[in-house]
Amino acid sequence: MSATYRDQAVVLRTQKLGEADRIITLLTREHGRIKAVAKGVRRTKSRWGARLEPASHVDLQLYSGRTFETVTQAVSIENFGDTLSLDYQRWTVASAILEAAERFTAQEHEPSLQQYLLLVGALKALAHETYDGSLILDAYLLRSLAVAGYAPSLTNCSVCDAPGPHRFFSLVGGGSVCTTCKPSAAPTPAPETLELMQQLLSGDWPAASASELRYRREASGLVAAYLQWHLERGLRSLPLVERI
């Protein structure tokens, strides 16, 4: 039987449907990732089409159908996209975050409150320029990996648990590895880079914000490679991110 329900959501992406409709991919607070049809939103006189653009945080009323949900009401909580789209660097970061959120919630209708809260927090910090955009992106990716069960070890050896810090980092092994456990051609990031990644993972923003640019760049490369390994393919948006 069909039912009407309410939920809060972030718009991840949109697709055209017919002449005036759109399919909206949403990450909801209580129902996980869903796809919903928003009828008539592409018409000029649509009352709430602008509320259903990517990076919009909305309160929705939805009608549950056989194939897709149908949006019957949309109330804006905060349209992060309006602010972020004015700045290219922040918009590219937001695009990578939205794509990652969809990838981390592979199963539709599977509740994922932690991923939802991470997404809202990242977009809010980005829109309000609370911290540097690149740091927000890397922190979001690291924490999403942790929620998914792939948190990298950044101190002890991820293979034998020998206390660190260690010189080597293994994508396959799950993070820092000792000399005995390291695979061939393992990268050797600077200790400051691993410290920065730990700060982003734990939310130590004062220390992370004081980090040097060279360590931020190395950390971004490690995070991107680690993410690609565990998602089995990279994010299309990530190479487009403008790092400053």
Protein backbone atom coordinates (compact mmCIF):
# COMPACT_ATOMS: atom_id res chain seq x y z
CA MET A 1 0.00 0.00 0.00
CA SER A 2 1.18 3.53 -0.76
CA ALA A 3 1.72 6.08 2.00
CA THR A 4 2.59 9.74 2.49
CA TYR A 5 5.42 10.68 4.84
CA ARG A 6 7.73 13.58 5.74
CA ASP A 7 11.49 13.64 5.98
CA GLN A 8 14.43 16.03 5.78
CA ALA A 9 16.87 15.56 2.92
CA VAL A 10 19.79 16.92 0.93
CA VAL A 11 19.49 16.95 -2.86
CA LEU A 12 22.42 14.99 -4.30
CA ARG A 13 21.64 15.35 -8.02
CA THR A 14 18.81 15.81 -10.51
CA GLN A 15 17.85 14.31 -13.88
CA LYS A 16 15.38 15.55 -16.46
CA LEU A 17 12.20 13.52 -16.88
CA GLY A 18 9.80 14.27 -19.70
CA GLU A 19 9.08 17.89 -20.56
CA ALA A 20 8.64 19.41 -17.12
CA ASP A 21 9.57 16.88 -14.43
CA ARG A 22 12.77 15.81 -12.71
CA ILE A 23 14.04 12.74 -10.91
CA ILE A 24 15.65 13.92 -7.68
CA THR A 25 18.25 11.80 -5.88
CA LEU A 26 18.03 12.54 -2.16
CA LEU A 27 19.86 11.54 0.99
CA THR A 28 17.20 11.63 3.68
CA ARG A 29 17.56 11.70 7.43
CA GLU A 30 15.37 8.68 8.20
CA HIS A 31 14.96 6.74 4.94
CA GLY A 32 18.48 6.77 3.49
CA ARG A 33 19.08 7.47 -0.18
CA ILE A 34 15.97 7.58 -2.34
CA LYS A 35 14.88 8.72 -5.79
CA ALA A 36 11.76 10.82 -6.14
CA VAL A 37 9.88 12.43 -9.00
CA ALA A 38 9.26 16.16 -8.71
CA LYS A 39 6.48 16.98 -11.12
CA GLY A 40 6.40 20.26 -12.99
CA VAL A 41 9.54 21.69 -11.37
CA ARG A 42 11.09 22.67 -14.70
CA ARG A 43 8.19 24.95 -15.56
CA THR A 44 8.86 28.66 -15.23
CA LYS A 45 5.95 29.10 -12.82
CA SER A 46 6.92 26.20 -10.56
CA ARG A 47 6.48 27.23 -6.91
CA TRP A 48 9.25 25.08 -5.47
CA GLY A 49 11.53 23.98 -8.30
CA ALA A 50 14.40 26.16 -7.03
CA ARG A 51 14.24 24.38 -3.67
CA LEU A 52 15.16 21.07 -5.30
CA GLU A 53 18.55 21.91 -6.78
CA PRO A 54 21.77 20.07 -5.83
CA ALA A 55 23.08 20.91 -2.33
CA SER A 56 19.66 22.10 -1.14
CA HIS A 57 18.68 21.09 2.40
CA VAL A 58 14.90 20.65 2.45
CA ASP A 59 11.96 19.37 4.45
CA LEU A 60 9.84 17.20 2.16
CA GLN A 61 6.50 15.53 1.99
CA LEU A 62 6.68 12.42 -0.18
CA TYR A 63 4.21 9.95 -1.58
CA SER A 64 5.57 6.41 -1.75
CA GLY A 65 4.80 4.76 -5.09
CA ARG A 66 5.73 1.47 -6.73
CA THR A 67 8.86 2.68 -8.55
CA PHE A 68 9.74 6.17 -7.29
CA GLU A 69 8.59 8.38 -4.47
CA THR A 70 6.76 11.56 -5.52
CA VAL A 71 7.55 14.94 -3.97
CA THR A 72 4.28 16.60 -2.98
CA GLN A 73 5.70 19.45 -0.88
CA ALA A 74 9.15 21.00 -0.38
CA VAL A 75 10.13 23.56 2.26
CA SER A 76 13.64 24.97 2.19
CA ILE A 77 15.73 24.61 5.34
CA GLU A 78 18.90 26.09 3.81
CA ASN A 79 19.85 26.26 0.15
CA PHE A 80 23.59 25.72 0.37
CA GLY A 81 23.81 25.57 -3.42
CA ASP A 82 22.83 29.23 -3.83
CA THR A 83 25.88 30.31 -1.84
CA LEU A 84 28.31 27.66 -3.03
CA SER A 85 27.58 28.15 -6.73
CA LEU A 86 28.93 31.73 -6.47
CA ASP A 87 32.46 30.46 -5.78
CA TYR A 88 34.04 27.97 -8.20
CA GLN A 89 36.42 26.41 -5.70
CA ARG A 90 33.73 25.78 -3.09
CA TRP A 91 31.29 24.50 -5.74
CA THR A 92 33.78 21.92 -7.02
CA VAL A 93 34.34 20.78 -3.42
CA ALA A 94 30.57 20.55 -2.88
CA SER A 95 30.15 18.53 -6.08
CA ALA A 96 32.73 15.99 -4.88
CA ILE A 97 31.03 15.78 -1.48
CA LEU A 98 27.60 15.20 -3.04
CA GLU A 99 28.96 12.49 -5.35
CA ALA A 100 30.74 10.80 -2.45
CA ALA A 101 27.56 10.86 -0.35
CA GLU A 102 25.73 8.98 -3.10
CA ARG A 103 28.53 6.44 -3.42
CA PHE A 104 28.68 5.82 0.33
CA THR A 105 24.94 5.05 0.43
CA ALA A 106 24.82 2.31 -2.16
CA GLN A 107 21.57 0.71 -0.97
CA GLU A 108 18.40 2.72 -1.50
CA HIS A 109 15.97 3.06 1.43
CA GLU A 110 18.63 1.91 3.90
CA PRO A 111 18.75 4.44 6.79
CA SER A 112 22.14 6.10 7.13
CA LEU A 113 21.83 8.83 9.75
CA GLN A 114 25.58 9.27 10.26
CA GLN A 115 26.20 9.81 6.55
CA TYR A 116 23.32 12.28 6.41
CA LEU A 117 24.64 14.27 9.39
CA LEU A 118 28.17 14.27 7.94
CA LEU A 119 26.83 15.60 4.64
CA VAL A 120 24.77 18.39 6.20
CA GLY A 121 27.68 19.40 8.45
CA ALA A 122 30.17 19.48 5.56
CA LEU A 123 27.91 21.58 3.32
CA LYS A 124 27.12 23.98 6.17
CA ALA A 125 30.80 24.47 7.01
CA LEU A 126 31.59 24.95 3.32
CA ALA A 127 28.77 27.42 2.69
CA HIS A 128 29.61 29.46 5.79
CA GLU A 129 33.37 29.32 5.05
CA THR A 130 34.04 27.97 8.52
CA TYR A 131 37.28 26.28 7.39
CA ASP A 132 39.33 25.89 4.22
CA GLY A 133 37.34 24.07 1.52
CA SER A 134 40.02 21.46 0.81
CA LEU A 135 40.27 20.59 4.49
CA ILE A 136 36.49 20.23 4.72
CA LEU A 137 36.50 17.87 1.73
CA ASP A 138 39.29 15.67 3.09
CA ALA A 139 37.72 15.60 6.56
CA TYR A 140 34.37 14.60 5.06
CA LEU A 141 35.92 11.81 2.99
CA LEU A 142 37.95 10.44 5.91
CA ARG A 143 34.94 10.45 8.24
CA SER A 144 32.68 8.88 5.62
CA LEU A 145 35.25 6.15 5.15
CA ALA A 146 35.29 5.65 8.91
CA VAL A 147 31.49 5.39 9.08
CA ALA A 148 31.63 2.82 6.27
CA GLY A 149 34.16 0.79 8.26
CA TYR A 150 37.28 1.80 6.32
CA ALA A 151 38.97 4.22 8.73
CA PRO A 152 42.71 4.28 7.94
CA SER A 153 45.14 3.51 10.73
CA LEU A 154 47.32 6.58 11.20
CA THR A 155 49.46 5.59 14.20
CA ASN A 156 49.77 1.83 14.88
CA CYS A 157 50.56 -0.63 12.10
CA SER A 158 47.29 -1.60 10.44
CA VAL A 159 48.55 -5.18 9.91
CA CYS A 160 50.34 -6.21 13.12
CA ASP A 161 49.26 -3.34 15.42
CA ALA A 162 52.83 -2.43 16.28
CA PRO A 163 52.84 1.00 17.94
CA GLY A 164 53.80 3.86 15.66
CA PRO A 165 54.13 6.29 14.10
CA HIS A 166 55.45 4.43 11.04
CA ARG A 167 57.07 5.65 7.83
CA PHE A 168 54.98 3.71 5.32
CA PHE A 169 51.34 3.91 4.20
CA SER A 170 49.51 1.02 2.57
CA LEU A 171 46.26 1.43 0.64
CA VAL A 172 45.74 -2.34 0.64
CA GLY A 173 46.77 -2.79 4.27
CA GLY A 174 44.51 -0.06 5.62
CA GLY A 175 46.85 2.78 6.50
CA SER A 176 50.15 3.09 8.34
CA VAL A 177 52.34 -0.01 8.27
CA CYS A 178 55.65 -0.92 9.85
CA THR A 179 58.78 -1.90 7.95
CA THR A 180 58.04 -5.61 8.37
CA CYS A 181 54.45 -5.40 7.05
CA LYS A 182 54.87 -2.86 4.29
CA PRO A 183 54.05 -3.95 0.72
CA SER A 184 56.35 -3.12 -2.15
CA ALA A 185 56.30 0.47 -3.41
CA ALA A 186 54.44 1.75 -0.32
CA PRO A 187 54.45 5.57 -0.15
CA THR A 188 56.33 7.28 2.67
CA PRO A 189 54.29 10.36 3.66
CA ALA A 190 55.73 12.94 6.02
CA PRO A 191 54.82 12.44 9.69
CA GLU A 192 53.10 15.84 9.57
CA THR A 193 50.83 14.57 6.77
CA LEU A 194 49.61 11.64 8.85
CA GLU A 195 49.15 13.97 11.83
CA LEU A 196 47.00 16.24 9.64
CA MET A 197 44.85 13.30 8.53
CA GLN A 198 44.37 12.29 12.16
CA GLN A 199 43.38 15.86 13.03
CA LEU A 200 40.80 15.92 10.23
CA LEU A 201 39.44 12.54 11.29
CA SER A 202 39.11 13.57 14.93
CA GLY A 203 37.92 17.15 14.30
CA ASP A 204 40.96 19.00 15.65
CA TRP A 205 40.31 22.00 13.42
CA PRO A 206 42.69 24.53 15.07
CA ALA A 207 45.65 22.20 14.48
CA ALA A 208 44.49 21.24 10.97
CA SER A 209 43.98 24.87 9.98
CA ALA A 210 47.53 25.68 11.09
CA SER A 211 49.04 22.96 8.85
CA GLU A 212 51.39 23.80 5.99
CA LEU A 213 50.23 23.68 2.37
CA ARG A 214 52.68 20.92 1.37
CA TYR A 215 51.25 18.58 4.01
CA ARG A 216 47.70 19.42 2.96
CA ARG A 217 48.51 18.53 -0.64
CA GLU A 218 50.14 15.25 0.34
CA ALA A 219 47.20 14.39 2.61
CA SER A 220 44.72 15.12 -0.21
CA GLY A 221 46.59 12.75 -2.51
CA LEU A 222 46.60 9.98 0.09
CA VAL A 223 42.90 10.46 0.89
CA ALA A 224 41.97 10.37 -2.82
CA ALA A 225 44.01 7.20 -3.42
CA TYR A 226 42.67 5.50 -0.29
CA LEU A 227 39.10 6.43 -1.26
CA GLN A 228 39.54 5.10 -4.79
CA TRP A 229 40.91 1.81 -3.49
CA HIS A 230 37.95 1.18 -1.17
CA LEU A 231 35.25 2.45 -3.54
CA GLU A 232 36.92 0.50 -6.37
CA ARG A 233 36.77 3.55 -8.63
CA GLY A 234 37.40 7.23 -8.10
CA LEU A 235 34.96 10.09 -7.90
CA ARG A 236 34.43 11.83 -11.24
CA SER A 237 34.19 15.19 -9.48
CA LEU A 238 37.43 14.87 -7.49
CA PRO A 239 39.90 15.73 -10.32
CA LEU A 240 37.89 18.90 -10.96
CA VAL A 241 38.28 20.19 -7.41
CA GLU A 242 40.20 23.43 -7.39
CA ARG A 243 42.67 23.22 -4.55
CA ILE A 244 43.84 26.52 -3.11
